[in-house]
Structures are given as C-alpha cells and as structure tokens.
Amino acid sequence: MKLYSFFRSGTSHRLRIALHLKGLRPDYFPVDLRVDEQAQAPFKQVNPQGLVPALTLDDGRTLIQSPAIIEWLEDRHPEPPLLPADPEDRAQVRALAAIVGCDVHPINNRRILQTL
C-alpha cells in the first residue's frame, strides 16, 4: 500500500494512528500542503479531489477520506479492533470522531482558512 499524507494534517494523522494500531506499514509518500502540492497534476492523478490522506491499495485502487479508509481498515484487518465491542461504547467513540471531523476540523482546515 501507498499512503499519501502530510505530517501536519489532522485527517492524515488520524489515519496514520489507525494504521499503526493495526500494525500496517504502507509506503509513505509526503504531499506538502504548504506549497499546494496536493493541487498539482501528479497528486491529482492519485486523488482528483486534491486532498490528503489517500491510500493506494496493492491492486492500484485508491481510497480517500480518512473515515472511509479507517472503516475499510476495520473491515479488511479486523484485529486488533479499533472500536469497542459494546454498541453504546462504539456510538460514543463515533460521536467523539464526529465532533472532531464535523465540528472542529472544518474551522481549522487550511482550505477554509485560506478562503477566509
């Protein structure tokens, strides 16, 4: 696998944590958001959306959006589990993830800050 990521990206960081917890070590390809590398043609061929992280699988398909990639990791590599077994505890973990992804991250996002 190939992980396209930026060291200061919160979404990339959460995916790197999940990969580490799963014991997976994809090849790392840095994408420097400070110089808009994500908007340049080489990376846009990986992810036309122009966002990190992106995870290219061994078969050449590329997964995007950290929550979707983390769900894929859980489906394909269920051990160790990232979520608790209890449904209410899982709901709590998902709620905390949604707080970060929906409430905190958007107002701290580089694209939004540049527009403002």
Protein backbone atom coordinates (compact mmCIF):
# COMPACT_ATOMS: atom_id res chain seq x y z
CA MET A 1 0.00 0.00 0.00
CA LYS A 2 0.97 3.63 -0.52
CA LEU A 3 -0.04 6.33 1.94
CA TYR A 4 -0.16 9.90 0.63
CA SER A 5 -0.13 12.20 3.62
CA PHE A 6 1.02 15.47 5.14
CA PHE A 7 2.65 15.46 8.57
CA ARG A 8 0.53 18.33 9.95
CA SER A 9 -2.80 17.21 8.51
CA GLY A 10 -5.26 16.13 11.20
CA THR A 11 -7.06 13.79 8.83
CA SER A 12 -3.75 12.23 7.79
CA HIS A 13 -2.71 11.93 11.42
CA ARG A 14 -5.84 10.01 12.43
CA LEU A 15 -5.26 7.58 9.56
CA ARG A 16 -1.59 7.11 10.50
CA ILE A 17 -2.71 6.30 14.06
CA ALA A 18 -5.19 3.69 12.79
CA LEU A 19 -2.59 2.12 10.51
CA HIS A 20 -0.12 1.97 13.38
CA LEU A 21 -2.68 0.36 15.71
CA LYS A 22 -3.39 -2.23 13.02
CA GLY A 23 0.33 -2.93 12.63
CA LEU A 24 0.31 -1.88 8.96
CA ARG A 25 3.24 -0.03 7.41
CA PRO A 26 2.37 1.31 3.96
CA ASP A 27 4.98 3.09 1.88
CA TYR A 28 4.82 6.77 2.78
CA PHE A 29 4.57 9.50 0.15
CA PRO A 30 4.58 13.01 1.61
CA VAL A 31 2.34 15.61 0.00
CA ASP A 32 3.41 19.10 1.07
CA LEU A 33 0.29 21.20 1.58
CA ARG A 34 2.43 24.25 2.37
CA VAL A 35 3.36 24.53 -1.31
CA ASP A 36 -0.01 23.28 -2.66
CA GLU A 37 1.49 20.00 -3.87
CA GLN A 38 -1.96 18.44 -3.44
CA ALA A 39 -3.29 20.66 -6.25
CA GLN A 40 -0.59 19.68 -8.74
CA ALA A 41 -1.10 17.14 -11.52
CA PRO A 42 0.98 14.26 -10.07
CA PHE A 43 -1.09 14.09 -6.88
CA LYS A 44 -4.38 14.88 -8.64
CA GLN A 45 -3.82 11.66 -10.60
CA VAL A 46 -3.82 9.85 -7.25
CA ASN A 47 -6.77 11.77 -5.79
CA PRO A 48 -8.66 14.08 -8.16
CA GLN A 49 -10.24 15.74 -5.11
CA GLY A 50 -6.76 17.01 -4.24
CA LEU A 51 -6.95 16.17 -0.53
CA VAL A 52 -4.91 14.04 1.84
CA PRO A 53 -4.86 11.37 3.01
CA ALA A 54 -5.14 8.90 0.18
CA LEU A 55 -4.31 5.22 0.41
CA THR A 56 -3.47 3.35 -2.78
CA LEU A 57 -4.01 -0.37 -2.42
CA ASP A 58 -1.78 -3.06 -3.85
CA ASP A 59 -4.30 -3.60 -6.70
CA GLY A 60 -4.00 0.06 -7.73
CA ARG A 61 -7.32 1.30 -6.37
CA THR A 62 -7.12 4.42 -4.23
CA LEU A 63 -9.21 5.06 -1.14
CA ILE A 64 -9.87 8.63 0.01
CA GLN A 65 -11.38 10.37 3.06
CA SER A 66 -9.95 9.21 6.38
CA PRO A 67 -13.24 7.91 7.92
CA ALA A 68 -13.87 5.72 4.85
CA ILE A 69 -10.29 4.47 4.84
CA ILE A 70 -10.42 3.67 8.56
CA GLU A 71 -13.70 1.76 8.07
CA TRP A 72 -12.03 -0.18 5.24
CA LEU A 73 -9.10 -0.96 7.53
CA GLU A 74 -11.51 -2.30 10.15
CA ASP A 75 -13.26 -4.46 7.52
CA ARG A 76 -10.08 -5.83 5.95
CA HIS A 77 -7.93 -6.01 9.08
CA PRO A 78 -10.33 -6.61 11.99
CA GLU A 79 -7.62 -7.39 14.53
CA PRO A 80 -6.94 -5.55 16.68
CA PRO A 81 -10.31 -3.81 16.60
CA LEU A 82 -10.35 -0.02 16.65
CA LEU A 83 -13.84 0.17 18.16
CA PRO A 84 -15.11 -1.28 21.42
CA ALA A 85 -17.35 -4.37 21.30
CA ASP A 86 -20.23 -2.74 23.20
CA PRO A 87 -22.67 -0.92 20.84
CA GLU A 88 -23.13 2.03 23.20
CA ASP A 89 -19.37 2.41 23.63
CA ARG A 90 -18.96 2.28 19.82
CA ALA A 91 -21.58 5.01 19.50
CA GLN A 92 -19.62 7.13 21.98
CA VAL A 93 -16.38 6.67 20.02
CA ARG A 94 -18.14 7.52 16.75
CA ALA A 95 -19.66 10.62 18.36
CA LEU A 96 -16.24 11.81 19.50
CA ALA A 97 -14.86 11.22 16.00
CA ALA A 98 -17.78 13.20 14.54
CA ILE A 99 -17.07 16.11 16.90
CA VAL A 100 -13.55 16.31 15.52
CA GLY A 101 -14.49 15.65 11.89
CA CYS A 102 -17.62 17.79 11.70
CA ASP A 103 -17.23 20.50 14.33
CA VAL A 104 -13.53 21.11 14.96
CA HIS A 105 -11.78 20.19 11.73
CA PRO A 106 -13.80 22.33 9.28
CA ILE A 107 -12.99 25.60 11.05
CA ASN A 108 -9.35 24.62 11.40
CA ASN A 109 -8.99 23.45 7.79
CA ARG A 110 -6.38 25.13 5.60
CA ARG A 111 -8.76 25.46 2.62
CA ILE A 112 -11.30 27.27 4.79
CA LEU A 113 -8.69 29.49 6.43
CA GLN A 114 -7.30 30.46 3.01
CA THR A 115 -10.78 31.40 1.81
CA LEU A 116 -11.45 33.47 4.92
